């Protein structure tokens, strides 16, 4: 073998070895590689609709998603106040293993996620949790819409806002089983989600001002997630009703990549914690009025 070819071959082997070692030592790189390998954009399009991508075994589910998608897309565009920056992509999975690899968390138990600008739907949404399909699809499309406008390096808004926005825009998607009345009563009782900058991925660590009493109808993580989502969605909806012009100004600033706190104060003239206290106080006043009547 000529010396230059041997050297190139050696460099190639060294590169492969370094890549394998990096994947072995950095779990997040390994998860990212699996996600890229299972990206839904690699799947066939359903009936030539490039927005709906599916594993062949999930064709029946993809058909259901294709029926629901136009309404869900229109609903999100109306709630967000503008069209999608580019056509959204929805991935429909038949394999829980492939879905877990694709979602970047190696977790097959999450019903849906948005990753790299695409909504990924678990097989459970066309089986055990079929009744959640429309709401969860619409919820994830809110995340896709939001990310479609934002620069890649933009600072991340607090997750209470993005999840609250998605719950509000989808009319409760992701917070099924927890009504506004139940969430409002929990707020009045002091079981209020803490609206800080923490990520809402590990629901066991999701903060509430008081620890929740156990609901035997739900597992503990589902209870925490859905109550938190519902309370955040109620607050985001309250913000919009309070001043829709300010709300849309905030959305446009965040979509342009601006930081959350100064954008919020610029739009509303107050901080988010200050308006959260107003929201909580208003719920308590409404309860007293109802009791008096």
Protein backbone atom coordinates (compact mmCIF):
# COMPACT_ATOMS: atom_id res chain seq x y z
CA UNK A 1 0.00 0.00 0.00
CA UNK A 2 1.49 3.41 -0.93
CA UNK A 3 2.60 5.45 2.09
CA UNK A 4 0.06 8.25 1.49
CA UNK A 5 -2.80 5.76 1.33
CA UNK A 6 -1.61 4.03 4.47
CA UNK A 7 -1.45 7.36 6.26
CA UNK A 8 -4.99 8.29 5.14
CA UNK A 9 -6.23 4.85 6.23
CA UNK A 10 -4.56 5.35 9.60
CA UNK A 11 -6.14 8.77 10.02
CA UNK A 12 -9.53 7.30 9.15
CA UNK A 13 -9.21 4.52 11.71
CA UNK A 14 -8.04 7.01 14.33
CA UNK A 15 -11.06 9.23 13.63
CA UNK A 16 -13.47 6.30 13.92
CA UNK A 17 -11.81 5.16 17.15
CA UNK A 18 -12.02 8.67 18.58
CA UNK A 19 -15.70 8.94 17.64
CA UNK A 20 -16.49 5.57 19.22
CA UNK A 21 -14.61 6.55 22.38
CA UNK A 22 -16.43 9.90 22.56
CA UNK A 23 -19.80 8.18 22.25
CA UNK A 24 -18.85 5.71 24.95
CA UNK A 25 -17.66 8.37 27.39
CA UNK A 26 -20.37 10.99 26.72
CA UNK A 27 -23.89 9.57 27.12
CA UNK A 28 -25.44 12.75 25.71
CA UNK A 29 -23.49 12.26 22.47
CA UNK A 30 -24.67 8.68 22.29
CA UNK A 31 -28.29 9.79 22.77
CA UNK A 32 -27.88 12.50 20.13
CA UNK A 33 -26.47 9.98 17.65
CA UNK A 34 -29.39 7.62 18.24
CA UNK A 35 -31.84 10.49 17.80
CA UNK A 36 -30.25 11.49 14.50
CA UNK A 37 -30.40 7.89 13.26
CA UNK A 38 -34.13 7.74 14.11
CA UNK A 39 -35.08 11.23 12.95
CA UNK A 40 -38.62 11.16 11.49
CA UNK A 41 -37.52 13.09 8.41
CA UNK A 42 -35.84 9.86 7.31
CA UNK A 43 -39.26 8.13 7.20
CA UNK A 44 -41.56 8.05 4.15
CA UNK A 45 -44.17 10.78 3.80
CA UNK A 46 -47.81 9.81 4.25
CA UNK A 47 -49.59 10.08 0.87
CA UNK A 48 -46.92 12.53 -0.33
CA UNK A 49 -47.66 14.91 2.57
CA UNK A 50 -44.13 15.82 3.69
CA UNK A 51 -45.46 17.04 7.03
CA UNK A 52 -46.49 13.54 8.19
CA UNK A 53 -43.62 11.02 8.41
CA UNK A 54 -44.19 7.50 9.67
CA UNK A 55 -42.70 4.11 10.27
CA UNK A 56 -44.36 1.69 7.81
CA UNK A 57 -45.98 -0.30 10.64
CA UNK A 58 -47.65 2.91 11.89
CA UNK A 59 -49.55 3.69 8.69
CA UNK A 60 -52.99 3.52 10.35
CA UNK A 61 -51.84 5.93 13.04
CA UNK A 62 -50.29 8.22 10.42
CA UNK A 63 -53.64 8.28 8.64
CA UNK A 64 -55.33 9.41 11.86
CA UNK A 65 -52.67 12.08 12.39
CA UNK A 66 -53.07 13.28 8.80
CA UNK A 67 -56.82 13.75 9.38
CA UNK A 68 -56.23 15.76 12.57
CA UNK A 69 -53.22 17.79 11.44
CA UNK A 70 -54.91 20.53 9.32
CA UNK A 71 -57.21 21.53 12.17
CA UNK A 72 -54.39 21.36 14.71
CA UNK A 73 -52.10 23.48 12.52
CA UNK A 74 -54.82 26.11 12.01
CA UNK A 75 -55.54 26.17 15.75
CA UNK A 76 -51.89 26.78 16.61
CA UNK A 77 -51.46 29.47 13.96
CA UNK A 78 -54.50 31.27 15.37
CA UNK A 79 -53.34 30.97 18.98
CA UNK A 80 -49.77 32.07 18.18
CA UNK A 81 -50.90 34.88 15.91
CA UNK A 82 -48.93 33.98 12.79
CA UNK A 83 -48.31 31.04 10.39
CA UNK A 84 -45.57 28.47 10.87
CA UNK A 85 -42.20 29.70 9.64
CA UNK A 86 -41.94 26.48 7.62
CA UNK A 87 -44.19 23.43 7.22
CA UNK A 88 -44.21 21.44 10.47
CA UNK A 89 -43.01 17.83 10.59
CA UNK A 90 -44.76 15.17 12.67
CA UNK A 91 -43.13 11.77 13.17
CA UNK A 92 -45.37 8.78 13.88
CA UNK A 93 -43.64 5.77 15.45
CA UNK A 94 -44.67 2.13 15.62
CA UNK A 95 -41.70 0.95 17.70
CA UNK A 96 -41.33 2.10 21.30
CA UNK A 97 -37.62 1.36 21.05
CA UNK A 98 -37.15 3.53 17.97
CA UNK A 99 -39.27 6.27 19.52
CA UNK A 100 -37.15 6.21 22.71
CA UNK A 101 -34.01 6.46 20.58
CA UNK A 102 -35.49 9.33 18.57
CA UNK A 103 -36.64 11.44 21.50
CA UNK A 104 -33.10 11.94 22.74
CA UNK A 105 -33.94 10.82 26.28
CA UNK A 106 -34.02 7.06 25.80
CA UNK A 107 -37.47 7.14 27.41
CA UNK A 108 -40.34 5.25 25.75
CA UNK A 109 -42.84 6.40 28.39
CA UNK A 110 -43.19 10.01 27.21
CA UNK A 111 -46.27 10.41 25.02
CA UNK A 112 -44.68 12.96 22.69
CA UNK A 113 -41.75 15.34 22.41
CA UNK A 114 -40.56 18.06 20.09
CA UNK A 115 -36.97 17.59 18.99
CA UNK A 116 -34.95 19.39 16.32
CA UNK A 117 -38.07 21.17 15.10
CA UNK A 118 -40.22 18.06 14.66
CA UNK A 119 -43.05 16.61 16.76
CA UNK A 120 -42.44 12.96 17.67
CA UNK A 121 -45.46 10.88 18.65
CA UNK A 122 -45.21 7.72 20.74
CA UNK A 123 -47.03 4.56 19.61
CA UNK A 124 -49.14 4.86 22.78
CA UNK A 125 -51.10 7.72 21.20
CA UNK A 126 -52.66 5.30 18.73
CA UNK A 127 -53.17 2.53 21.26
CA UNK A 128 -53.58 2.89 25.03
CA UNK A 129 -53.77 6.71 24.98
CA UNK A 130 -55.65 7.17 21.71
CA UNK A 131 -58.05 9.64 23.35
CA UNK A 132 -55.12 12.02 23.88
CA UNK A 133 -53.93 12.06 20.26
CA UNK A 134 -55.59 15.29 19.13
CA UNK A 135 -54.67 17.29 22.23
CA UNK A 136 -51.09 16.06 22.42
CA UNK A 137 -50.53 16.54 18.67
CA UNK A 138 -51.78 20.12 18.93
CA UNK A 139 -49.65 20.72 22.05
CA UNK A 140 -46.50 19.55 20.29
CA UNK A 141 -47.28 21.63 17.24
CA UNK A 142 -47.22 24.68 19.51
CA UNK A 143 -43.61 23.81 20.38
CA UNK A 144 -42.79 23.23 16.71
CA UNK A 145 -44.31 26.58 15.75
CA UNK A 146 -42.40 28.42 18.48
CA UNK A 147 -39.08 26.80 17.59
CA UNK A 148 -39.62 27.30 13.85
CA UNK A 149 -39.23 31.06 14.24
CA UNK A 150 -36.42 31.18 16.80
CA UNK A 151 -32.68 31.44 16.00
CA UNK A 152 -30.77 28.30 16.95
CA UNK A 153 -28.61 30.07 19.53
CA UNK A 154 -31.46 31.99 21.16
CA UNK A 155 -31.68 31.80 24.97
CA UNK A 156 -34.23 29.26 26.18
CA UNK A 157 -37.39 30.75 27.75
CA UNK A 158 -38.49 29.19 31.04
CA UNK A 159 -40.24 25.91 30.43
CA UNK A 160 -43.28 26.94 32.44
CA UNK A 161 -43.95 29.49 29.70
CA UNK A 162 -43.44 27.21 26.69
CA UNK A 163 -45.45 24.38 28.26
CA UNK A 164 -48.12 26.79 29.45
CA UNK A 165 -48.31 28.27 25.96
CA UNK A 166 -48.71 24.80 24.44
CA UNK A 167 -51.43 23.82 26.94
CA UNK A 168 -53.29 27.08 26.35
CA UNK A 169 -52.99 26.90 22.56
CA UNK A 170 -54.13 23.25 22.45
CA UNK A 171 -57.08 23.74 24.82
CA UNK A 172 -55.55 21.53 27.50
CA UNK A 173 -53.37 19.11 25.54
CA UNK A 174 -50.81 17.57 27.88
CA UNK A 175 -52.86 18.40 31.00
CA UNK A 176 -55.67 15.90 30.49
CA UNK A 177 -57.44 14.76 33.64
CA UNK A 178 -56.81 18.02 35.51
CA UNK A 179 -59.57 20.58 35.02
CA UNK A 180 -59.20 24.33 35.37
CA UNK A 181 -61.38 24.16 38.49
CA UNK A 182 -59.22 21.47 40.07
CA UNK A 183 -56.02 23.34 39.25
CA UNK A 184 -57.48 26.61 40.57
CA UNK A 185 -58.45 24.96 43.83
CA UNK A 186 -54.95 23.52 44.16
CA UNK A 187 -53.56 27.04 43.72
CA UNK A 188 -55.89 28.41 46.38
CA UNK A 189 -54.85 25.58 48.71
CA UNK A 190 -51.19 26.47 48.26
CA UNK A 191 -50.25 23.63 45.87
CA UNK A 192 -48.83 26.06 43.34
CA UNK A 193 -46.25 25.15 40.76
CA UNK A 194 -43.06 27.16 41.14
CA UNK A 195 -42.62 29.21 37.98
CA UNK A 196 -38.85 29.45 37.91
CA UNK A 197 -36.22 28.61 35.32
CA UNK A 198 -35.92 24.89 36.03
CA UNK A 199 -36.46 22.39 33.23
CA UNK A 200 -39.68 20.38 33.36
CA UNK A 201 -38.15 17.10 32.24
CA UNK A 202 -37.71 15.40 35.62
CA UNK A 203 -41.22 15.63 37.04
CA UNK A 204 -40.11 14.06 40.33
CA UNK A 205 -38.19 17.30 40.98
CA UNK A 206 -40.79 19.67 39.63
CA UNK A 207 -41.30 22.28 42.34
CA UNK A 208 -44.56 23.10 44.10
CA UNK A 209 -44.89 25.54 46.98
CA UNK A 210 -46.46 22.77 49.05
CA UNK A 211 -46.02 19.06 48.44
CA UNK A 212 -49.02 17.58 46.66
CA UNK A 213 -51.38 15.16 48.38
CA UNK A 214 -51.40 11.83 46.59
CA UNK A 215 -54.11 11.30 43.98
CA UNK A 216 -54.74 7.54 43.82
CA UNK A 217 -56.19 7.87 40.31
CA UNK A 218 -52.83 8.96 38.88
CA UNK A 219 -49.24 7.89 39.30
CA UNK A 220 -47.16 10.48 41.14
CA UNK A 221 -45.20 11.78 38.14
CA UNK A 222 -48.29 12.08 35.93
CA UNK A 223 -50.09 13.94 38.71
CA UNK A 224 -47.26 16.45 39.11
CA UNK A 225 -46.81 16.95 35.38
CA UNK A 226 -50.43 17.52 34.49
CA UNK A 227 -51.21 19.77 37.44
CA UNK A 228 -48.11 21.86 36.67
CA UNK A 229 -49.00 22.01 32.97
CA UNK A 230 -52.59 23.01 33.71
CA UNK A 231 -51.60 25.76 36.16
CA UNK A 232 -49.00 27.13 33.73
CA UNK A 233 -51.54 27.00 30.90
CA UNK A 234 -54.11 28.86 32.99
CA UNK A 235 -51.58 31.58 33.81
CA UNK A 236 -50.49 31.99 30.18
CA UNK A 237 -54.14 32.18 29.12
CA UNK A 238 -54.77 34.78 31.82
CA UNK A 239 -51.85 36.83 30.53
CA UNK A 240 -53.31 36.76 27.04
CA UNK A 241 -56.78 37.77 28.21
CA UNK A 242 -55.30 40.55 30.35
CA UNK A 243 -53.54 42.20 27.40
CA UNK A 244 -53.47 40.38 24.07
CA UNK A 245 -51.35 43.08 22.43
CA UNK A 246 -48.70 42.72 25.13
CA UNK A 247 -48.89 38.94 24.92
CA UNK A 248 -48.29 38.88 21.18
CA UNK A 249 -45.50 41.44 21.58
CA UNK A 250 -43.83 39.05 24.03
CA UNK A 251 -44.22 36.12 21.64
CA UNK A 252 -42.71 38.05 18.74
CA UNK A 253 -39.75 39.13 20.90
CA UNK A 254 -39.09 35.56 22.04
CA UNK A 255 -39.42 34.26 18.49
CA UNK A 256 -36.82 36.83 17.46
CA UNK A 257 -34.44 35.35 20.02
CA UNK A 258 -34.72 37.94 22.78
CA UNK A 259 -34.23 36.97 26.44
CA UNK A 260 -37.37 36.17 28.41
CA UNK A 261 -37.26 38.39 31.51
CA UNK A 262 -36.57 41.76 29.80
CA UNK A 263 -38.99 40.87 26.99
CA UNK A 264 -41.72 40.05 29.50
CA UNK A 265 -41.25 43.29 31.45
CA UNK A 266 -41.09 45.31 28.25
CA UNK A 267 -44.36 43.78 27.03
CA UNK A 268 -46.37 43.82 30.27
CA UNK A 269 -44.66 46.52 32.31
CA UNK A 270 -44.23 44.08 35.21
CA UNK A 271 -42.27 40.94 35.93
CA UNK A 272 -43.73 37.44 35.53
CA UNK A 273 -43.57 36.73 39.32
CA UNK A 274 -45.47 39.95 40.00
CA UNK A 275 -48.25 39.05 37.57
CA UNK A 276 -48.33 35.47 38.89
CA UNK A 277 -49.13 36.92 42.32
CA UNK A 278 -51.92 38.99 40.73
CA UNK A 279 -53.26 35.86 39.04
CA UNK A 280 -53.27 33.91 42.32
CA UNK A 281 -54.95 36.80 44.14
CA UNK A 282 -57.63 37.01 41.44
CA UNK A 283 -58.42 33.30 41.82
CA UNK A 284 -58.83 33.76 45.59
CA UNK A 285 -61.09 36.77 45.11
CA UNK A 286 -63.22 34.87 42.62
CA UNK A 287 -63.60 32.03 45.11
CA UNK A 288 -64.79 34.43 47.81
CA UNK A 289 -67.29 36.01 45.41
CA UNK A 290 -68.61 32.58 44.47
CA UNK A 291 -68.97 31.62 48.13
CA UNK A 292 -70.82 34.85 48.89
CA UNK A 293 -73.31 34.14 46.13
